[in-house]
Amino acid sequence: MQVICSWCRGEGRVGFVGEKAPLGDRRETHSICLEHLQAVQAGWTACQRDTGLSGVSVDMAKAHPSRIRRAVRSVMRLCVGLRGLARKTRG
């Protein structure tokens, strides 16, 4: 399979990252190239500085998976509830 950077493809570039098994399969799968990975990490670091969350890291999700799952479920319930409320108010 050909590994393509989704970000590069969105910019109109080829974005070929490499290949992975099964090598005979010519379909594409998506990933992120080193250039865009560094840009995303820099943006994340800047966001942490701007919001005062410098102690928060991606590794926290690995350290506290149950808390992360609980937070995600809460946000999903909120979104579903708001969507239902919006439908009711529209008629």
PDB file of N, CA and C in Angstrom:
ATOM      1  N   MET A   1       0.840  -1.179   0.000  1.00  0.00           N
ATOM      2  CA  MET A   1       0.000   0.000   0.000  1.00  0.00           C
ATOM      3  C   MET A   1       0.884   1.240   0.000  1.00  0.00           C
ATOM      4  N   GLN A   2       0.414   2.250  -0.677  1.00  0.00           N
ATOM      5  CA  GLN A   2       1.136   3.515  -0.691  1.00  0.00           C
ATOM      6  C   GLN A   2       0.647   4.375   0.469  1.00  0.00           C
ATOM      7  N   VAL A   3       1.590   4.930   1.234  1.00  0.00           N
ATOM      8  CA  VAL A   3       1.259   5.806   2.350  1.00  0.00           C
ATOM      9  C   VAL A   3       1.372   7.246   1.857  1.00  0.00           C
ATOM     10  N   ILE A   4       0.279   7.981   1.970  1.00  0.00           N
ATOM     11  CA  ILE A   4       0.186   9.347   1.466  1.00  0.00           C
ATOM     12  C   ILE A   4      -0.089  10.291   2.632  1.00  0.00           C
ATOM     13  N   CYS A   5       0.584  11.450   2.651  1.00  0.00           N
ATOM     14  CA  CYS A   5       0.323  12.474   3.665  1.00  0.00           C
ATOM     15  C   CYS A   5      -0.972  13.205   3.300  1.00  0.00           C
ATOM     16  N   SER A   6      -1.948  13.133   4.176  1.00  0.00           N
ATOM     17  CA  SER A   6      -3.240  13.783   3.930  1.00  0.00           C
ATOM     18  C   SER A   6      -3.094  15.297   3.829  1.00  0.00           C
ATOM     19  N   TRP A   7      -2.208  15.860   4.614  1.00  0.00           N
ATOM     20  CA  TRP A   7      -2.013  17.313   4.622  1.00  0.00           C
ATOM     21  C   TRP A   7      -1.411  17.770   3.296  1.00  0.00           C
ATOM     22  N   CYS A   8      -0.400  17.038   2.822  1.00  0.00           N
ATOM     23  CA  CYS A   8       0.218  17.377   1.528  1.00  0.00           C
ATOM     24  C   CYS A   8      -0.817  17.280   0.415  1.00  0.00           C
ATOM     25  N   ARG A   9      -1.601  16.222   0.433  1.00  0.00           N
ATOM     26  CA  ARG A   9      -2.618  16.017  -0.593  1.00  0.00           C
ATOM     27  C   ARG A   9      -3.616  17.164  -0.589  1.00  0.00           C
ATOM     28  N   GLY A  10      -3.961  17.643   0.602  1.00  0.00           N
ATOM     29  CA  GLY A  10      -4.870  18.782   0.712  1.00  0.00           C
ATOM     30  C   GLY A  10      -4.290  20.060   0.131  1.00  0.00           C
ATOM     31  N   GLU A  11      -2.957  20.148   0.112  1.00  0.00           N
ATOM     32  CA  GLU A  11      -2.275  21.316  -0.458  1.00  0.00           C
ATOM     33  C   GLU A  11      -2.012  21.145  -1.947  1.00  0.00           C
ATOM     34  N   GLY A  12      -2.429  20.020  -2.505  1.00  0.00           N
ATOM     35  CA  GLY A  12      -2.237  19.782  -3.930  1.00  0.00           C
ATOM     36  C   GLY A  12      -0.906  19.142  -4.279  1.00  0.00           C
ATOM     37  N   ARG A  13      -0.150  18.719  -3.276  1.00  0.00           N
ATOM     38  CA  ARG A  13       1.125  18.059  -3.532  1.00  0.00           C
ATOM     39  C   ARG A  13       0.914  16.549  -3.562  1.00  0.00           C
ATOM     40  N   VAL A  14       1.910  15.826  -4.037  1.00  0.00           N
ATOM     41  CA  VAL A  14       1.813  14.364  -4.134  1.00  0.00           C
ATOM     42  C   VAL A  14       1.725  13.754  -2.743  1.00  0.00           C
ATOM     43  N   GLY A  15       2.623  14.114  -1.853  1.00  0.00           N
ATOM     44  CA  GLY A  15       2.568  13.669  -0.471  1.00  0.00           C
ATOM     45  C   GLY A  15       2.925  12.220  -0.236  1.00  0.00           C
ATOM     46  N   PHE A  16       3.733  11.629  -1.097  1.00  0.00           N
ATOM     47  CA  PHE A  16       4.112  10.224  -0.927  1.00  0.00           C
ATOM     48  C   PHE A  16       5.047  10.096   0.273  1.00  0.00           C
ATOM     49  N   VAL A  17       4.660   9.287   1.268  1.00  0.00           N
ATOM     50  CA  VAL A  17       5.461   9.084   2.475  1.00  0.00           C
ATOM     51  C   VAL A  17       6.268   7.800   2.374  1.00  0.00           C
ATOM     52  N   GLY A  18       5.682   6.749   1.823  1.00  0.00           N
ATOM     53  CA  GLY A  18       6.362   5.467   1.713  1.00  0.00           C
ATOM     54  C   GLY A  18       5.383   4.362   1.365  1.00  0.00           C
ATOM     55  N   GLU A  19       5.801   3.130   1.619  1.00  0.00           N
ATOM     56  CA  GLU A  19       4.944   1.972   1.373  1.00  0.00           C
ATOM     57  C   GLU A  19       4.893   1.111   2.617  1.00  0.00           C
ATOM     58  N   LYS A  20       3.824   0.345   2.725  1.00  0.00           N
ATOM     59  CA  LYS A  20       3.703  -0.615   3.818  1.00  0.00           C
ATOM     60  C   LYS A  20       3.029  -1.871   3.291  1.00  0.00           C
ATOM     61  N   ALA A  21       3.123  -2.929   4.045  1.00  0.00           N
ATOM     62  CA  ALA A  21       2.556  -4.213   3.638  1.00  0.00           C
ATOM     63  C   ALA A  21       1.037  -4.105   3.570  1.00  0.00           C
ATOM     64  N   PRO A  22       0.405  -4.795   2.683  1.00  0.00           N
ATOM     65  CA  PRO A  22       0.923  -5.674   1.636  1.00  0.00           C
ATOM     66  C   PRO A  22       1.434  -4.854   0.445  1.00  0.00           C
ATOM     67  N   LEU A  23       2.651  -5.120   0.046  1.00  0.00           N
ATOM     68  CA  LEU A  23       3.311  -4.333  -0.988  1.00  0.00           C
ATOM     69  C   LEU A  23       2.663  -4.481  -2.359  1.00  0.00           C
ATOM     70  N   GLY A  24       2.000  -5.596  -2.630  1.00  0.00           N
ATOM     71  CA  GLY A  24       1.341  -5.802  -3.918  1.00  0.00           C
ATOM     72  C   GLY A  24       0.047  -5.016  -4.061  1.00  0.00           C
ATOM     73  N   ASP A  25      -0.498  -4.533  -2.960  1.00  0.00           N
ATOM     74  CA  ASP A  25      -1.748  -3.777  -2.958  1.00  0.00           C
ATOM     75  C   ASP A  25      -1.432  -2.327  -3.320  1.00  0.00           C
ATOM     76  N   ARG A  26      -1.989  -1.808  -4.398  1.00  0.00           N
ATOM     77  CA  ARG A  26      -1.671  -0.456  -4.875  1.00  0.00           C
ATOM     78  C   ARG A  26      -2.616   0.611  -4.314  1.00  0.00           C
ATOM     79  N   ARG A  27      -3.490   0.240  -3.397  1.00  0.00           N
ATOM     80  CA  ARG A  27      -4.376   1.245  -2.805  1.00  0.00           C
ATOM     81  C   ARG A  27      -3.578   2.217  -1.938  1.00  0.00           C
ATOM     82  N   GLU A  28      -4.218   3.317  -1.555  1.00  0.00           N
ATOM     83  CA  GLU A  28      -3.569   4.320  -0.718  1.00  0.00           C
ATOM     84  C   GLU A  28      -4.091   4.244   0.705  1.00  0.00           C
ATOM     85  N   THR A  29      -3.221   4.533   1.645  1.00  0.00           N
ATOM     86  CA  THR A  29      -3.605   4.745   3.030  1.00  0.00           C
ATOM     87  C   THR A  29      -2.991   6.072   3.435  1.00  0.00           C
ATOM     88  N   HIS A  30      -3.524   6.692   4.449  1.00  0.00           N
ATOM     89  CA  HIS A  30      -3.096   8.045   4.783  1.00  0.00           C
ATOM     90  C   HIS A  30      -2.343   8.105   6.100  1.00  0.00           C
ATOM     91  N   SER A  31      -1.442   9.065   6.163  1.00  0.00           N
ATOM     92  CA  SER A  31      -0.624   9.311   7.338  1.00  0.00           C
ATOM     93  C   SER A  31      -0.275  10.791   7.334  1.00  0.00           C
ATOM     94  N   ILE A  32       0.811  11.145   7.998  1.00  0.00           N
ATOM     95  CA  ILE A  32       1.278  12.528   8.015  1.00  0.00           C
ATOM     96  C   ILE A  32       2.785  12.516   7.819  1.00  0.00           C
ATOM     97  N   CYS A  33       3.276  13.424   6.990  1.00  0.00           N
ATOM     98  CA  CYS A  33       4.717  13.478   6.715  1.00  0.00           C
ATOM     99  C   CYS A  33       5.429  14.200   7.862  1.00  0.00           C
ATOM    100  N   LEU A  34       6.744  14.108   7.881  1.00  0.00           N
ATOM    101  CA  LEU A  34       7.545  14.712   8.939  1.00  0.00           C
ATOM    102  C   LEU A  34       7.361  16.229   8.978  1.00  0.00           C
ATOM    103  N   GLU A  35       7.307  16.856   7.816  1.00  0.00           N
ATOM    104  CA  GLU A  35       7.144  18.317   7.746  1.00  0.00           C
ATOM    105  C   GLU A  35       5.849  18.759   8.427  1.00  0.00           C
ATOM    106  N   HIS A  36       4.748  18.096   8.101  1.00  0.00           N
ATOM    107  CA  HIS A  36       3.465  18.481   8.684  1.00  0.00           C
ATOM    108  C   HIS A  36       3.357  18.046  10.145  1.00  0.00           C
ATOM    109  N   LEU A  37       3.982  16.940  10.504  1.00  0.00           N
ATOM    110  CA  LEU A  37       3.995  16.513  11.899  1.00  0.00           C
ATOM    111  C   LEU A  37       4.666  17.569  12.764  1.00  0.00           C
ATOM    112  N   GLN A  38       5.803  18.081  12.298  1.00  0.00           N
ATOM    113  CA  GLN A  38       6.506  19.124  13.046  1.00  0.00           C
ATOM    114  C   GLN A  38       5.666  20.393  13.135  1.00  0.00           C
ATOM    115  N   ALA A  39       4.947  20.727  12.066  1.00  0.00           N
ATOM    116  CA  ALA A  39       4.083  21.913  12.079  1.00  0.00           C
ATOM    117  C   ALA A  39       2.941  21.744  13.079  1.00  0.00           C
ATOM    118  N   VAL A  40       2.349  20.561  13.130  1.00  0.00           N
ATOM    119  CA  VAL A  40       1.259  20.296  14.069  1.00  0.00           C
ATOM    120  C   VAL A  40       1.778  20.352  15.502  1.00  0.00           C
ATOM    121  N   GLN A  41       2.946  19.755  15.747  1.00  0.00           N
ATOM    122  CA  GLN A  41       3.526  19.787  17.089  1.00  0.00           C
ATOM    123  C   GLN A  41       3.857  21.215  17.512  1.00  0.00           C
ATOM    124  N   ALA A  42       4.367  22.024  16.585  1.00  0.00           N
ATOM    125  CA  ALA A  42       4.671  23.423  16.896  1.00  0.00           C
ATOM    126  C   ALA A  42       3.390  24.188  17.219  1.00  0.00           C
ATOM    127  N   GLY A  43       2.333  23.920  16.465  1.00  0.00           N
ATOM    128  CA  GLY A  43       1.047  24.552  16.736  1.00  0.00           C
ATOM    129  C   GLY A  43       0.486  24.142  18.081  1.00  0.00           C
ATOM    130  N   TRP A  44       0.636  22.878  18.424  1.00  0.00           N
ATOM    131  CA  TRP A  44       0.168  22.367  19.710  1.00  0.00           C
ATOM    132  C   TRP A  44       0.929  23.041  20.845  1.00  0.00           C
ATOM    133  N   THR A  45       2.243  23.170  20.689  1.00  0.00           N
ATOM    134  CA  THR A  45       3.069  23.809  21.710  1.00  0.00           C
ATOM    135  C   THR A  45       2.675  25.274  21.871  1.00  0.00           C
ATOM    136  N   ALA A  46       2.461  25.967  20.758  1.00  0.00           N
ATOM    137  CA  ALA A  46       2.049  27.372  20.813  1.00  0.00           C
ATOM    138  C   ALA A  46       0.686  27.512  21.484  1.00  0.00           C
ATOM    139  N   CYS A  47      -0.218  26.602  21.189  1.00  0.00           N
ATOM    140  CA  CYS A  47      -1.549  26.622  21.790  1.00  0.00           C
ATOM    141  C   CYS A  47      -1.457  26.408  23.295  1.00  0.00           C
ATOM    142  N   GLN A  48      -0.598  25.497  23.713  1.00  0.00           N
ATOM    143  CA  GLN A  48      -0.407  25.252  25.141  1.00  0.00           C
ATOM    144  C   GLN A  48       0.096  26.508  25.836  1.00  0.00           C
ATOM    145  N   ARG A  49       1.051  27.195  25.209  1.00  0.00           N
ATOM    146  CA  ARG A  49       1.591  28.430  25.790  1.00  0.00           C
ATOM    147  C   ARG A  49       0.509  29.501  25.871  1.00  0.00           C
ATOM    148  N   ASP A  50      -0.258  29.659  24.795  1.00  0.00           N
ATOM    149  CA  ASP A  50      -1.269  30.715  24.724  1.00  0.00           C
ATOM    150  C   ASP A  50      -2.408  30.499  25.710  1.00  0.00           C
ATOM    151  N   THR A  51      -2.766  29.250  25.951  1.00  0.00           N
ATOM    152  CA  THR A  51      -3.897  28.954  26.833  1.00  0.00           C
ATOM    153  C   THR A  51      -3.479  28.682  28.265  1.00  0.00           C
ATOM    154  N   GLY A  52      -2.182  28.652  28.518  1.00  0.00           N
ATOM    155  CA  GLY A  52      -1.704  28.384  29.869  1.00  0.00           C
ATOM    156  C   GLY A  52      -1.772  26.922  30.250  1.00  0.00           C
ATOM    157  N   LEU A  53      -1.858  26.039  29.284  1.00  0.00           N
ATOM    158  CA  LEU A  53      -1.920  24.605  29.552  1.00  0.00           C
ATOM    159  C   LEU A  53      -0.579  23.941  29.279  1.00  0.00           C
ATOM    160  N   SER A  54       0.491  24.597  29.680  1.00  0.00           N
ATOM    161  CA  SER A  54       1.814  24.067  29.352  1.00  0.00           C
ATOM    162  C   SER A  54       2.090  22.725  30.020  1.00  0.00           C
ATOM    163  N   GLY A  55       1.365  22.394  31.081  1.00  0.00           N
ATOM    164  CA  GLY A  55       1.570  21.111  31.739  1.00  0.00           C
ATOM    165  C   GLY A  55       0.825  19.968  31.076  1.00  0.00           C
ATOM    166  N   VAL A  56      -0.008  20.279  30.093  1.00  0.00           N
ATOM    167  CA  VAL A  56      -0.804  19.265  29.408  1.00  0.00           C
ATOM    168  C   VAL A  56      -0.016  18.732  28.227  1.00  0.00           C
ATOM    169  N   SER A  57       0.010  17.418  28.081  1.00  0.00           N
ATOM    170  CA  SER A  57       0.727  16.831  26.953  1.00  0.00           C
ATOM    171  C   SER A  57      -0.086  15.696  26.360  1.00  0.00           C
ATOM    172  N   VAL A  58       0.314  15.285  25.192  1.00  0.00           N
ATOM    173  CA  VAL A  58      -0.347  14.167  24.534  1.00  0.00           C
ATOM    174  C   VAL A  58      -0.167  12.899  25.358  1.00  0.00           C
ATOM    175  N   ASP A  59       0.934  12.807  26.097  1.00  0.00           N
ATOM    176  CA  ASP A  59       1.204  11.626  26.914  1.00  0.00           C
ATOM    177  C   ASP A  59       0.196  11.462  28.043  1.00  0.00           C
ATOM    178  N   MET A  60      -0.503  12.533  28.409  1.00  0.00           N
ATOM    179  CA  MET A  60      -1.506  12.414  29.468  1.00  0.00           C
ATOM    180  C   MET A  60      -2.620  11.465  29.058  1.00  0.00           C
ATOM    181  N   ALA A  61      -2.931  11.431  27.774  1.00  0.00           N
ATOM    182  CA  ALA A  61      -3.971  10.518  27.293  1.00  0.00           C
ATOM    183  C   ALA A  61      -3.553   9.076  27.519  1.00  0.00           C
ATOM    184  N   LYS A  62      -2.274   8.799  27.396  1.00  0.00           N
ATOM    185  CA  LYS A  62      -1.775   7.451  27.638  1.00  0.00           C
ATOM    186  C   LYS A  62      -1.749   7.146  29.127  1.00  0.00           C
ATOM    187  N   ALA A  63      -1.452   8.152  29.945  1.00  0.00           N
ATOM    188  CA  ALA A  63      -1.342   7.945  31.385  1.00  0.00           C
ATOM    189  C   ALA A  63      -2.708   7.820  32.054  1.00  0.00           C
ATOM    190  N   HIS A  64      -3.728   8.480  31.515  1.00  0.00           N
ATOM    191  CA  HIS A  64      -5.056   8.489  32.125  1.00  0.00           C
ATOM    192  C   HIS A  64      -6.133   8.140  31.099  1.00  0.00           C
ATOM    193  N   PRO A  65      -6.096   6.943  30.531  1.00  0.00           N
ATOM    194  CA  PRO A  65      -7.054   6.618  29.465  1.00  0.00           C
ATOM    195  C   PRO A  65      -8.505   6.624  29.928  1.00  0.00           C
ATOM    196  N   SER A  66      -8.781   6.219  31.166  1.00  0.00           N
ATOM    197  CA  SER A  66     -10.174   6.187  31.617  1.00  0.00           C
ATOM    198  C   SER A  66     -10.731   7.599  31.746  1.00  0.00           C
ATOM    199  N   ARG A  67      -9.921   8.537  32.197  1.00  0.00           N
ATOM    200  CA  ARG A  67     -10.371   9.926  32.293  1.00  0.00           C
ATOM    201  C   ARG A  67     -10.641  10.503  30.908  1.00  0.00           C
ATOM    202  N   ILE A  68      -9.773  10.180  29.978  1.00  0.00           N
ATOM    203  CA  ILE A  68      -9.945  10.682  28.616  1.00  0.00           C
ATOM    204  C   ILE A  68     -11.227  10.118  28.014  1.00  0.00           C
ATOM    205  N   ARG A  69     -11.451   8.803  28.181  1.00  0.00           N
ATOM    206  CA  ARG A  69     -12.674   8.188  27.649  1.00  0.00           C
ATOM    207  C   ARG A  69     -13.918   8.833  28.251  1.00  0.00           C
ATOM    208  N   ARG A  70     -13.881   9.067  29.559  1.00  0.00           N
ATOM    209  CA  ARG A  70     -15.014   9.684  30.236  1.00  0.00           C
ATOM    210  C   ARG A  70     -15.275  11.094  29.695  1.00  0.00           C
ATOM    211  N   ALA A  71     -14.218  11.856  29.497  1.00  0.00           N
ATOM    212  CA  ALA A  71     -14.365  13.214  28.969  1.00  0.00           C
ATOM    213  C   ALA A  71     -14.922  13.193  27.549  1.00  0.00           C
ATOM    214  N   VAL A  72     -14.435  12.272  26.732  1.00  0.00           N
ATOM    215  CA  VAL A  72     -14.919  12.172  25.353  1.00  0.00           C
ATOM    216  C   VAL A  72     -16.393  11.795  25.338  1.00  0.00           C
ATOM    217  N   ARG A  73     -16.787  10.843  26.184  1.00  0.00           N
ATOM    218  CA  ARG A  73     -18.201  10.459  26.251  1.00  0.00           C
ATOM    219  C   ARG A  73     -19.073  11.639  26.676  1.00  0.00           C
ATOM    220  N   SER A  74     -18.590  12.424  27.644  1.00  0.00           N
ATOM    221  CA  SER A  74     -19.355  13.586  28.100  1.00  0.00           C
ATOM    222  C   SER A  74     -19.537  14.600  26.984  1.00  0.00           C
ATOM    223  N   VAL A  75     -18.481  14.861  26.250  1.00  0.00           N
ATOM    224  CA  VAL A  75     -18.558  15.816  25.141  1.00  0.00           C
ATOM    225  C   VAL A  75     -19.496  15.294  24.064  1.00  0.00           C
ATOM    226  N   MET A  76     -19.435  13.994  23.780  1.00  0.00           N
ATOM    227  CA  MET A  76     -20.315  13.418  22.761  1.00  0.00           C
ATOM    228  C   MET A  76     -21.775  13.531  23.186  1.00  0.00           C
ATOM    229  N   ARG A  77     -22.059  13.247  24.460  1.00  0.00           N
ATOM    230  CA  ARG A  77     -23.438  13.371  24.947  1.00  0.00           C
ATOM    231  C   ARG A  77     -23.922  14.810  24.832  1.00  0.00           C
ATOM    232  N   LEU A  78     -23.045  15.752  25.166  1.00  0.00           N
ATOM    233  CA  LEU A  78     -23.403  17.160  25.061  1.00  0.00           C
ATOM    234  C   LEU A  78     -23.727  17.527  23.617  1.00  0.00           C
ATOM    235  N   CYS A  79     -22.898  17.092  22.688  1.00  0.00           N
ATOM    236  CA  CYS A  79     -23.126  17.398  21.267  1.00  0.00           C
ATOM    237  C   CYS A  79     -24.428  16.793  20.769  1.00  0.00           C
ATOM    238  N   VAL A  80     -24.683  15.546  21.140  1.00  0.00           N
ATOM    239  CA  VAL A  80     -25.923  14.887  20.723  1.00  0.00           C
ATOM    240  C   VAL A  80     -27.119  15.608  21.327  1.00  0.00           C
ATOM    241  N   GLY A  81     -27.012  15.994  22.583  1.00  0.00           N
ATOM    242  CA  GLY A  81     -28.097  16.721  23.234  1.00  0.00           C
ATOM    243  C   GLY A  81     -28.362  18.068  22.591  1.00  0.00           C
ATOM    244  N   LEU A  82     -27.299  18.789  22.267  1.00  0.00           N
ATOM    245  CA  LEU A  82     -27.457  20.090  21.618  1.00  0.00           C
ATOM    246  C   LEU A  82     -28.050  19.951  20.224  1.00  0.00           C
ATOM    247  N   ARG A  83     -27.651  18.902  19.513  1.00  0.00           N
ATOM    248  CA  ARG A  83     -28.203  18.679  18.175  1.00  0.00           C
ATOM    249  C   ARG A  83     -29.702  18.389  18.274  1.00  0.00           C
ATOM    250  N   GLY A  84     -30.087  17.566  19.252  1.00  0.00           N
ATOM    251  CA  GLY A  84     -31.505  17.274  19.449  1.00  0.00           C
ATOM    252  C   GLY A  84     -32.296  18.512  19.831  1.00  0.00           C
ATOM    253  N   LEU A  85     -31.714  19.342  20.681  1.00  0.00           N
ATOM    254  CA  LEU A  85     -32.369  20.584  21.078  1.00  0.00           C
ATOM    255  C   LEU A  85     -32.532  21.517  19.883  1.00  0.00           C
ATOM    256  N   ALA A  86     -31.517  21.590  19.039  1.00  0.00           N
ATOM    257  CA  ALA A  86     -31.589  22.446  17.845  1.00  0.00           C
ATOM    258  C   ALA A  86     -32.690  21.967  16.906  1.00  0.00           C
ATOM    259  N   ARG A  87     -32.833  20.656  16.753  1.00  0.00           N
ATOM    260  CA  ARG A  87     -33.894  20.115  15.891  1.00  0.00           C
ATOM    261  C   ARG A  87     -35.273  20.476  16.442  1.00  0.00           C
ATOM    262  N   LYS A  88     -35.428  20.367  17.759  1.00  0.00           N
ATOM    263  CA  LYS A  88     -36.724  20.669  18.372  1.00  0.00           C
ATOM    264  C   LYS A  88     -37.077  22.140  18.221  1.00  0.00           C
ATOM    265  N   THR A  89     -36.091  23.015  18.352  1.00  0.00           N
ATOM    266  CA  THR A  89     -36.384  24.445  18.266  1.00  0.00           C
ATOM    267  C   THR A  89     -36.660  24.888  16.839  1.00  0.00           C
ATOM    268  N   ARG A  90     -36.096  24.168  15.857  1.00  0.00           N
ATOM    269  CA  ARG A  90     -36.352  24.509  14.449  1.00  0.00           C
ATOM    270  C   ARG A  90     -37.739  24.073  14.004  1.00  0.00           C
ATOM    271  N   GLY A  91     -38.287  23.146  14.731  1.00  0.00           N
ATOM    272  CA  GLY A  91     -39.641  22.760  14.355  1.00  0.00           C
ATOM    273  C   GLY A  91     -39.732  21.384  13.981  1.00  0.00           C
TER     274      GLY A  91
END
